[in-house]
Amino acid sequence: MAQHVLRYWESRFPQLRPVQRAGNRRYYRAEDLTLIRRIDHLLNQQAYTIRGVQQLLDNEARAKDDPATMLRNIRDSLVEALAWDDRAERR
């Protein structure tokens, strides 16, 4: 992953906060790498926008506290995936 892309994502996704070491070097933990891969997949394979990924991550964070919200988010994700699949079939 290009360094400038990671820096940009750090500015857009507050969940992505690598540990900063001496000399302002960044250390990405395993959970950071998982999040980076997920963001990359959503943006580049699933065609989400930056805003869309931000909303998805925010909703997931809120859903951890509220089971009803989690179920609504799952439903919304499924509806969105089906709509995306439907659009892909029409092409």
PDB file of N, CA and C in Angstrom:
ATOM      1  N   MET A   1       0.861  -1.173   0.000  1.00  0.00           N
ATOM      2  CA  MET A   1       0.000   0.000   0.000  1.00  0.00           C
ATOM      3  C   MET A   1       0.909   1.239   0.000  1.00  0.00           C
ATOM      4  N   ALA A   2       0.582   2.182  -0.834  1.00  0.00           N
ATOM      5  CA  ALA A   2       1.375   3.403  -0.936  1.00  0.00           C
ATOM      6  C   ALA A   2       1.274   4.231   0.347  1.00  0.00           C
ATOM      7  N   GLN A   3       2.394   4.805   0.732  1.00  0.00           N
ATOM      8  CA  GLN A   3       2.469   5.569   1.974  1.00  0.00           C
ATOM      9  C   GLN A   3       1.483   6.740   1.986  1.00  0.00           C
ATOM     10  N   HIS A   4       1.375   7.451   0.854  1.00  0.00           N
ATOM     11  CA  HIS A   4       0.484   8.613   0.824  1.00  0.00           C
ATOM     12  C   HIS A   4      -0.982   8.196   0.969  1.00  0.00           C
ATOM     13  N   VAL A   5      -1.337   7.010   0.489  1.00  0.00           N
ATOM     14  CA  VAL A   5      -2.707   6.519   0.627  1.00  0.00           C
ATOM     15  C   VAL A   5      -3.001   6.231   2.098  1.00  0.00           C
ATOM     16  N   LEU A   6      -2.055   5.581   2.771  1.00  0.00           N
ATOM     17  CA  LEU A   6      -2.236   5.292   4.198  1.00  0.00           C
ATOM     18  C   LEU A   6      -2.390   6.574   5.011  1.00  0.00           C
ATOM     19  N   ARG A   7      -1.599   7.582   4.699  1.00  0.00           N
ATOM     20  CA  ARG A   7      -1.692   8.859   5.436  1.00  0.00           C
ATOM     21  C   ARG A   7      -3.055   9.506   5.192  1.00  0.00           C
ATOM     22  N   TYR A   8      -3.525   9.437   3.950  1.00  0.00           N
ATOM     23  CA  TYR A   8      -4.837  10.008   3.629  1.00  0.00           C
ATOM     24  C   TYR A   8      -5.925   9.263   4.395  1.00  0.00           C
ATOM     25  N   TRP A   9      -5.864   7.941   4.387  1.00  0.00           N
ATOM     26  CA  TRP A   9      -6.863   7.155   5.103  1.00  0.00           C
ATOM     27  C   TRP A   9      -6.820   7.451   6.594  1.00  0.00           C
ATOM     28  N   GLU A  10      -5.646   7.663   7.141  1.00  0.00           N
ATOM     29  CA  GLU A  10      -5.545   8.017   8.567  1.00  0.00           C
ATOM     30  C   GLU A  10      -6.284   9.324   8.846  1.00  0.00           C
ATOM     31  N   SER A  11      -6.278  10.236   7.880  1.00  0.00           N
ATOM     32  CA  SER A  11      -6.977  11.510   8.078  1.00  0.00           C
ATOM     33  C   SER A  11      -8.496  11.362   7.931  1.00  0.00           C
ATOM     34  N   ARG A  12      -8.939  10.338   7.216  1.00  0.00           N
ATOM     35  CA  ARG A  12     -10.367  10.140   6.955  1.00  0.00           C
ATOM     36  C   ARG A  12     -11.044   9.138   7.877  1.00  0.00           C
ATOM     37  N   PHE A  13     -10.272   8.213   8.425  1.00  0.00           N
ATOM     38  CA  PHE A  13     -10.838   7.152   9.259  1.00  0.00           C
ATOM     39  C   PHE A  13     -10.222   7.212  10.654  1.00  0.00           C
ATOM     40  N   PRO A  14     -10.939   7.765  11.620  1.00  0.00           N
ATOM     41  CA  PRO A  14     -10.381   7.882  12.969  1.00  0.00           C
ATOM     42  C   PRO A  14     -10.089   6.525  13.614  1.00  0.00           C
ATOM     43  N   GLN A  15     -10.682   5.464  13.094  1.00  0.00           N
ATOM     44  CA  GLN A  15     -10.433   4.124  13.623  1.00  0.00           C
ATOM     45  C   GLN A  15      -9.009   3.660  13.299  1.00  0.00           C
ATOM     46  N   LEU A  16      -8.410   4.231  12.279  1.00  0.00           N
ATOM     47  CA  LEU A  16      -7.072   3.851  11.838  1.00  0.00           C
ATOM     48  C   LEU A  16      -6.050   4.762  12.507  1.00  0.00           C
ATOM     49  N   ARG A  17      -5.504   4.292  13.608  1.00  0.00           N
ATOM     50  CA  ARG A  17      -4.527   5.062  14.366  1.00  0.00           C
ATOM     51  C   ARG A  17      -3.330   4.198  14.710  1.00  0.00           C
ATOM     52  N   PRO A  18      -2.311   4.163  13.823  1.00  0.00           N
ATOM     53  CA  PRO A  18      -1.126   3.370  14.145  1.00  0.00           C
ATOM     54  C   PRO A  18      -0.336   4.015  15.290  1.00  0.00           C
ATOM     55  N   VAL A  19       0.430   3.186  15.952  1.00  0.00           N
ATOM     56  CA  VAL A  19       1.297   3.679  17.029  1.00  0.00           C
ATOM     57  C   VAL A  19       2.435   4.452  16.383  1.00  0.00           C
ATOM     58  N   GLN A  20       2.759   5.612  16.944  1.00  0.00           N
ATOM     59  CA  GLN A  20       3.867   6.396  16.404  1.00  0.00           C
ATOM     60  C   GLN A  20       5.107   6.153  17.247  1.00  0.00           C
ATOM     61  N   ARG A  21       6.177   5.780  16.591  1.00  0.00           N
ATOM     62  CA  ARG A  21       7.444   5.484  17.250  1.00  0.00           C
ATOM     63  C   ARG A  21       8.383   6.680  17.115  1.00  0.00           C
ATOM     64  N   ALA A  22       9.578   6.506  17.608  1.00  0.00           N
ATOM     65  CA  ALA A  22      10.586   7.565  17.537  1.00  0.00           C
ATOM     66  C   ALA A  22      10.792   7.988  16.084  1.00  0.00           C
ATOM     67  N   GLY A  23      11.009   9.258  15.889  1.00  0.00           N
ATOM     68  CA  GLY A  23      11.200   9.775  14.541  1.00  0.00           C
ATOM     69  C   GLY A  23       9.908   9.834  13.749  1.00  0.00           C
ATOM     70  N   ASN A  24       8.779   9.783  14.447  1.00  0.00           N
ATOM     71  CA  ASN A  24       7.451   9.878  13.828  1.00  0.00           C
ATOM     72  C   ASN A  24       7.161   8.710  12.885  1.00  0.00           C
ATOM     73  N   ARG A  25       7.833   7.574  13.106  1.00  0.00           N
ATOM     74  CA  ARG A  25       7.569   6.381  12.298  1.00  0.00           C
ATOM     75  C   ARG A  25       6.308   5.703  12.808  1.00  0.00           C
ATOM     76  N   ARG A  26       5.552   5.175  11.893  1.00  0.00           N
ATOM     77  CA  ARG A  26       4.298   4.521  12.258  1.00  0.00           C
ATOM     78  C   ARG A  26       4.486   3.017  12.363  1.00  0.00           C
ATOM     79  N   TYR A  27       3.839   2.449  13.356  1.00  0.00           N
ATOM     80  CA  TYR A  27       3.848   1.007  13.564  1.00  0.00           C
ATOM     81  C   TYR A  27       2.406   0.527  13.472  1.00  0.00           C
ATOM     82  N   TYR A  28       2.126  -0.291  12.459  1.00  0.00           N
ATOM     83  CA  TYR A  28       0.774  -0.794  12.248  1.00  0.00           C
ATOM     84  C   TYR A  28       0.618  -2.141  12.947  1.00  0.00           C
ATOM     85  N   ARG A  29      -0.324  -2.195  13.860  1.00  0.00           N
ATOM     86  CA  ARG A  29      -0.615  -3.435  14.583  1.00  0.00           C
ATOM     87  C   ARG A  29      -1.483  -4.336  13.701  1.00  0.00           C
ATOM     88  N   ALA A  30      -1.690  -5.562  14.159  1.00  0.00           N
ATOM     89  CA  ALA A  30      -2.471  -6.529  13.376  1.00  0.00           C
ATOM     90  C   ALA A  30      -3.881  -6.003  13.102  1.00  0.00           C
ATOM     91  N   GLU A  31      -4.514  -5.382  14.107  1.00  0.00           N
ATOM     92  CA  GLU A  31      -5.875  -4.856  13.890  1.00  0.00           C
ATOM     93  C   GLU A  31      -5.876  -3.683  12.910  1.00  0.00           C
ATOM     94  N   ASP A  32      -4.776  -2.905  12.876  1.00  0.00           N
ATOM     95  CA  ASP A  32      -4.669  -1.827  11.888  1.00  0.00           C
ATOM     96  C   ASP A  32      -4.593  -2.413  10.477  1.00  0.00           C
ATOM     97  N   LEU A  33      -3.805  -3.475  10.323  1.00  0.00           N
ATOM     98  CA  LEU A  33      -3.664  -4.103   9.010  1.00  0.00           C
ATOM     99  C   LEU A  33      -4.980  -4.713   8.540  1.00  0.00           C
ATOM    100  N   THR A  34      -5.724  -5.303   9.463  1.00  0.00           N
ATOM    101  CA  THR A  34      -7.036  -5.853   9.120  1.00  0.00           C
ATOM    102  C   THR A  34      -7.960  -4.743   8.635  1.00  0.00           C
ATOM    103  N   LEU A  35      -7.959  -3.618   9.341  1.00  0.00           N
ATOM    104  CA  LEU A  35      -8.795  -2.488   8.948  1.00  0.00           C
ATOM    105  C   LEU A  35      -8.355  -1.920   7.597  1.00  0.00           C
ATOM    106  N   ILE A  36      -7.057  -1.830   7.365  1.00  0.00           N
ATOM    107  CA  ILE A  36      -6.538  -1.323   6.088  1.00  0.00           C
ATOM    108  C   ILE A  36      -7.001  -2.219   4.946  1.00  0.00           C
ATOM    109  N   ARG A  37      -6.896  -3.530   5.129  1.00  0.00           N
ATOM    110  CA  ARG A  37      -7.347  -4.460   4.089  1.00  0.00           C
ATOM    111  C   ARG A  37      -8.846  -4.318   3.842  1.00  0.00           C
ATOM    112  N   ARG A  38      -9.588  -4.143   4.912  1.00  0.00           N
ATOM    113  CA  ARG A  38     -11.047  -4.008   4.768  1.00  0.00           C
ATOM    114  C   ARG A  38     -11.412  -2.720   4.038  1.00  0.00           C
ATOM    115  N   ILE A  39     -10.783  -1.611   4.408  1.00  0.00           N
ATOM    116  CA  ILE A  39     -11.036  -0.328   3.736  1.00  0.00           C
ATOM    117  C   ILE A  39     -10.677  -0.453   2.261  1.00  0.00           C
ATOM    118  N   ASP A  40      -9.531  -1.044   1.977  1.00  0.00           N
ATOM    119  CA  ASP A  40      -9.098  -1.219   0.592  1.00  0.00           C
ATOM    120  C   ASP A  40     -10.118  -2.051  -0.189  1.00  0.00           C
ATOM    121  N   HIS A  41     -10.591  -3.132   0.403  1.00  0.00           N
ATOM    122  CA  HIS A  41     -11.576  -3.988  -0.257  1.00  0.00           C
ATOM    123  C   HIS A  41     -12.880  -3.226  -0.523  1.00  0.00           C
ATOM    124  N   LEU A  42     -13.352  -2.501   0.476  1.00  0.00           N
ATOM    125  CA  LEU A  42     -14.608  -1.763   0.311  1.00  0.00           C
ATOM    126  C   LEU A  42     -14.488  -0.686  -0.763  1.00  0.00           C
ATOM    127  N   LEU A  43     -13.370   0.017  -0.770  1.00  0.00           N
ATOM    128  CA  LEU A  43     -13.188   1.097  -1.742  1.00  0.00           C
ATOM    129  C   LEU A  43     -12.920   0.578  -3.155  1.00  0.00           C
ATOM    130  N   ASN A  44     -12.050  -0.397  -3.270  1.00  0.00           N
ATOM    131  CA  ASN A  44     -11.571  -0.796  -4.593  1.00  0.00           C
ATOM    132  C   ASN A  44     -12.291  -1.999  -5.204  1.00  0.00           C
ATOM    133  N   GLN A  45     -12.842  -2.887  -4.386  1.00  0.00           N
ATOM    134  CA  GLN A  45     -13.566  -4.029  -4.942  1.00  0.00           C
ATOM    135  C   GLN A  45     -15.076  -3.832  -4.849  1.00  0.00           C
ATOM    136  N   GLN A  46     -15.546  -3.258  -3.761  1.00  0.00           N
ATOM    137  CA  GLN A  46     -16.983  -3.091  -3.568  1.00  0.00           C
ATOM    138  C   GLN A  46     -17.491  -1.733  -4.055  1.00  0.00           C
ATOM    139  N   ALA A  47     -16.600  -0.865  -4.493  1.00  0.00           N
ATOM    140  CA  ALA A  47     -16.936   0.447  -5.068  1.00  0.00           C
ATOM    141  C   ALA A  47     -17.645   1.379  -4.088  1.00  0.00           C
ATOM    142  N   TYR A  48     -17.323   1.252  -2.813  1.00  0.00           N
ATOM    143  CA  TYR A  48     -17.834   2.217  -1.830  1.00  0.00           C
ATOM    144  C   TYR A  48     -17.102   3.542  -2.020  1.00  0.00           C
ATOM    145  N   THR A  49     -17.739   4.610  -1.582  1.00  0.00           N
ATOM    146  CA  THR A  49     -17.065   5.900  -1.523  1.00  0.00           C
ATOM    147  C   THR A  49     -16.405   6.022  -0.157  1.00  0.00           C
ATOM    148  N   ILE A  50     -15.527   7.004  -0.010  1.00  0.00           N
ATOM    149  CA  ILE A  50     -14.905   7.254   1.301  1.00  0.00           C
ATOM    150  C   ILE A  50     -16.006   7.482   2.330  1.00  0.00           C
ATOM    151  N   ARG A  51     -16.971   8.309   1.991  1.00  0.00           N
ATOM    152  CA  ARG A  51     -18.076   8.602   2.913  1.00  0.00           C
ATOM    153  C   ARG A  51     -18.871   7.340   3.254  1.00  0.00           C
ATOM    154  N   GLY A  52     -19.075   6.494   2.263  1.00  0.00           N
ATOM    155  CA  GLY A  52     -19.796   5.257   2.500  1.00  0.00           C
ATOM    156  C   GLY A  52     -19.076   4.344   3.487  1.00  0.00           C
ATOM    157  N   VAL A  53     -17.766   4.241   3.338  1.00  0.00           N
ATOM    158  CA  VAL A  53     -16.981   3.416   4.267  1.00  0.00           C
ATOM    159  C   VAL A  53     -16.999   4.043   5.660  1.00  0.00           C
ATOM    160  N   GLN A  54     -16.897   5.367   5.731  1.00  0.00           N
ATOM    161  CA  GLN A  54     -16.962   6.044   7.030  1.00  0.00           C
ATOM    162  C   GLN A  54     -18.278   5.730   7.739  1.00  0.00           C
ATOM    163  N   GLN A  55     -19.374   5.828   7.001  1.00  0.00           N
ATOM    164  CA  GLN A  55     -20.685   5.551   7.594  1.00  0.00           C
ATOM    165  C   GLN A  55     -20.791   4.093   8.031  1.00  0.00           C
ATOM    166  N   LEU A  56     -20.300   3.194   7.205  1.00  0.00           N
ATOM    167  CA  LEU A  56     -20.346   1.774   7.541  1.00  0.00           C
ATOM    168  C   LEU A  56     -19.573   1.493   8.830  1.00  0.00           C
ATOM    169  N   LEU A  57     -18.369   2.034   8.942  1.00  0.00           N
ATOM    170  CA  LEU A  57     -17.559   1.816  10.140  1.00  0.00           C
ATOM    171  C   LEU A  57     -18.189   2.462  11.373  1.00  0.00           C
ATOM    172  N   ASP A  58     -18.758   3.657  11.197  1.00  0.00           N
ATOM    173  CA  ASP A  58     -19.442   4.321  12.314  1.00  0.00           C
ATOM    174  C   ASP A  58     -20.644   3.515  12.778  1.00  0.00           C
ATOM    175  N   ASN A  59     -21.431   3.025  11.831  1.00  0.00           N
ATOM    176  CA  ASN A  59     -22.603   2.218  12.170  1.00  0.00           C
ATOM    177  C   ASN A  59     -22.207   0.937  12.893  1.00  0.00           C
ATOM    178  N   GLU A  60     -21.141   0.321  12.448  1.00  0.00           N
ATOM    179  CA  GLU A  60     -20.680  -0.903  13.095  1.00  0.00           C
ATOM    180  C   GLU A  60     -20.219  -0.633  14.522  1.00  0.00           C
ATOM    181  N   ALA A  61     -19.555   0.501  14.726  1.00  0.00           N
ATOM    182  CA  ALA A  61     -19.106   0.847  16.078  1.00  0.00           C
ATOM    183  C   ALA A  61     -20.306   1.062  17.002  1.00  0.00           C
ATOM    184  N   ARG A  62     -21.349   1.721  16.490  1.00  0.00           N
ATOM    185  CA  ARG A  62     -22.554   1.937  17.288  1.00  0.00           C
ATOM    186  C   ARG A  62     -23.308   0.628  17.528  1.00  0.00           C
ATOM    187  N   ALA A  63     -23.268  -0.246  16.535  1.00  0.00           N
ATOM    188  CA  ALA A  63     -24.009  -1.505  16.626  1.00  0.00           C
ATOM    189  C   ALA A  63     -23.464  -2.418  17.720  1.00  0.00           C
ATOM    190  N   LYS A  64     -22.215  -2.276  18.041  1.00  0.00           N
ATOM    191  CA  LYS A  64     -21.634  -3.101  19.100  1.00  0.00           C
ATOM    192  C   LYS A  64     -22.312  -2.852  20.432  1.00  0.00           C
ATOM    193  N   ASP A  65     -22.873  -1.656  20.594  1.00  0.00           N
ATOM    194  CA  ASP A  65     -23.546  -1.298  21.835  1.00  0.00           C
ATOM    195  C   ASP A  65     -25.036  -1.614  21.818  1.00  0.00           C
ATOM    196  N   ASP A  66     -25.607  -1.781  20.630  1.00  0.00           N
ATOM    197  CA  ASP A  66     -27.058  -1.947  20.514  1.00  0.00           C
ATOM    198  C   ASP A  66     -27.389  -3.074  19.529  1.00  0.00           C
ATOM    199  N   PRO A  67     -27.897  -4.200  20.006  1.00  0.00           N
ATOM    200  CA  PRO A  67     -28.212  -5.320  19.114  1.00  0.00           C
ATOM    201  C   PRO A  67     -29.229  -4.972  18.023  1.00  0.00           C
ATOM    202  N   ALA A  68     -30.204  -4.135  18.330  1.00  0.00           N
ATOM    203  CA  ALA A  68     -31.201  -3.760  17.319  1.00  0.00           C
ATOM    204  C   ALA A  68     -30.534  -2.988  16.189  1.00  0.00           C
ATOM    205  N   THR A  69     -29.614  -2.109  16.524  1.00  0.00           N
ATOM    206  CA  THR A  69     -28.878  -1.356  15.504  1.00  0.00           C
ATOM    207  C   THR A  69     -28.038  -2.303  14.661  1.00  0.00           C
ATOM    208  N   MET A  70     -27.444  -3.293  15.304  1.00  0.00           N
ATOM    209  CA  MET A  70     -26.632  -4.257  14.578  1.00  0.00           C
ATOM    210  C   MET A  70     -27.486  -4.999  13.543  1.00  0.00           C
ATOM    211  N   LEU A  71     -28.673  -5.408  13.916  1.00  0.00           N
ATOM    212  CA  LEU A  71     -29.557  -6.110  12.987  1.00  0.00           C
ATOM    213  C   LEU A  71     -29.986  -5.202  11.835  1.00  0.00           C
ATOM    214  N   ARG A  72     -30.284  -3.938  12.139  1.00  0.00           N
ATOM    215  CA  ARG A  72     -30.643  -2.991  11.069  1.00  0.00           C
ATOM    216  C   ARG A  72     -29.470  -2.808  10.111  1.00  0.00           C
ATOM    217  N   ASN A  73     -28.272  -2.726  10.651  1.00  0.00           N
ATOM    218  CA  ASN A  73     -27.087  -2.554   9.801  1.00  0.00           C
ATOM    219  C   ASN A  73     -26.865  -3.764   8.910  1.00  0.00           C
ATOM    220  N   ILE A  74     -27.078  -4.949   9.457  1.00  0.00           N
ATOM    221  CA  ILE A  74     -26.953  -6.159   8.650  1.00  0.00           C
ATOM    222  C   ILE A  74     -27.982  -6.148   7.533  1.00  0.00           C
ATOM    223  N   ARG A  75     -29.214  -5.799   7.885  1.00  0.00           N
ATOM    224  CA  ARG A  75     -30.274  -5.724   6.874  1.00  0.00           C
ATOM    225  C   ARG A  75     -29.914  -4.712   5.791  1.00  0.00           C
ATOM    226  N   ASP A  76     -29.459  -3.523   6.200  1.00  0.00           N
ATOM    227  CA  ASP A  76     -29.098  -2.489   5.235  1.00  0.00           C
ATOM    228  C   ASP A  76     -27.939  -2.929   4.344  1.00  0.00           C
ATOM    229  N   SER A  77     -26.966  -3.619   4.930  1.00  0.00           N
ATOM    230  CA  SER A  77     -25.832  -4.116   4.151  1.00  0.00           C
ATOM    231  C   SER A  77     -26.289  -5.146   3.126  1.00  0.00           C
ATOM    232  N   LEU A  78     -27.211  -6.012   3.533  1.00  0.00           N
ATOM    233  CA  LEU A  78     -27.730  -7.010   2.598  1.00  0.00           C
ATOM    234  C   LEU A  78     -28.520  -6.359   1.466  1.00  0.00           C
ATOM    235  N   VAL A  79     -29.334  -5.375   1.798  1.00  0.00           N
ATOM    236  CA  VAL A  79     -30.101  -4.655   0.768  1.00  0.00           C
ATOM    237  C   VAL A  79     -29.142  -3.983  -0.205  1.00  0.00           C
ATOM    238  N   GLU A  80     -28.107  -3.359   0.324  1.00  0.00           N
ATOM    239  CA  GLU A  80     -27.127  -2.681  -0.527  1.00  0.00           C
ATOM    240  C   GLU A  80     -26.381  -3.684  -1.401  1.00  0.00           C
ATOM    241  N   ALA A  81     -26.006  -4.827  -0.839  1.00  0.00           N
ATOM    242  CA  ALA A  81     -25.290  -5.849  -1.607  1.00  0.00           C
ATOM    243  C   ALA A  81     -26.178  -6.409  -2.718  1.00  0.00           C
ATOM    244  N   LEU A  82     -27.449  -6.631  -2.426  1.00  0.00           N
ATOM    245  CA  LEU A  82     -28.365  -7.134  -3.444  1.00  0.00           C
ATOM    246  C   LEU A  82     -28.576  -6.109  -4.556  1.00  0.00           C
ATOM    247  N   ALA A  83     -28.671  -4.847  -4.190  1.00  0.00           N
ATOM    248  CA  ALA A  83     -28.827  -3.799  -5.193  1.00  0.00           C
ATOM    249  C   ALA A  83     -27.586  -3.716  -6.070  1.00  0.00           C
ATOM    250  N   TRP A  84     -26.413  -3.829  -5.456  1.00  0.00           N
ATOM    251  CA  TRP A  84     -25.162  -3.783  -6.208  1.00  0.00           C
ATOM    252  C   TRP A  84     -25.091  -4.971  -7.162  1.00  0.00           C
ATOM    253  N   ASP A  85     -25.470  -6.155  -6.677  1.00  0.00           N
ATOM    254  CA  ASP A  85     -25.459  -7.356  -7.486  1.00  0.00           C
ATOM    255  C   ASP A  85     -26.432  -7.228  -8.656  1.00  0.00           C
ATOM    256  N   ASP A  86     -27.587  -6.645  -8.399  1.00  0.00           N
ATOM    257  CA  ASP A  86     -28.605  -6.447  -9.424  1.00  0.00           C
ATOM    258  C   ASP A  86     -28.071  -5.505 -10.510  1.00  0.00           C
ATOM    259  N   ARG A  87     -27.404  -4.442 -10.094  1.00  0.00           N
ATOM    260  CA  ARG A  87     -26.826  -3.503 -11.069  1.00  0.00           C
ATOM    261  C   ARG A  87     -25.740  -4.179 -11.899  1.00  0.00           C
ATOM    262  N   ALA A  88     -24.951  -5.043 -11.268  1.00  0.00           N
ATOM    263  CA  ALA A  88     -23.878  -5.744 -11.968  1.00  0.00           C
ATOM    264  C   ALA A  88     -24.442  -6.718 -13.007  1.00  0.00           C
ATOM    265  N   GLU A  89     -25.553  -7.351 -12.685  1.00  0.00           N
ATOM    266  CA  GLU A  89     -26.168  -8.289 -13.636  1.00  0.00           C
ATOM    267  C   GLU A  89     -26.721  -7.573 -14.856  1.00  0.00           C
ATOM    268  N   ARG A  90     -27.159  -6.355 -14.721  1.00  0.00           N
ATOM    269  CA  ARG A  90     -27.740  -5.599 -15.829  1.00  0.00           C
ATOM    270  C   ARG A  90     -26.693  -5.173 -16.846  1.00  0.00           C
ATOM    271  N   ARG A  91     -25.442  -5.151 -16.413  1.00  0.00           N
ATOM    272  CA  ARG A  91     -24.379  -4.675 -17.325  1.00  0.00           C
ATOM    273  C   ARG A  91     -24.046  -5.682 -18.333  1.00  0.00           C
TER     274      ARG A  91
END
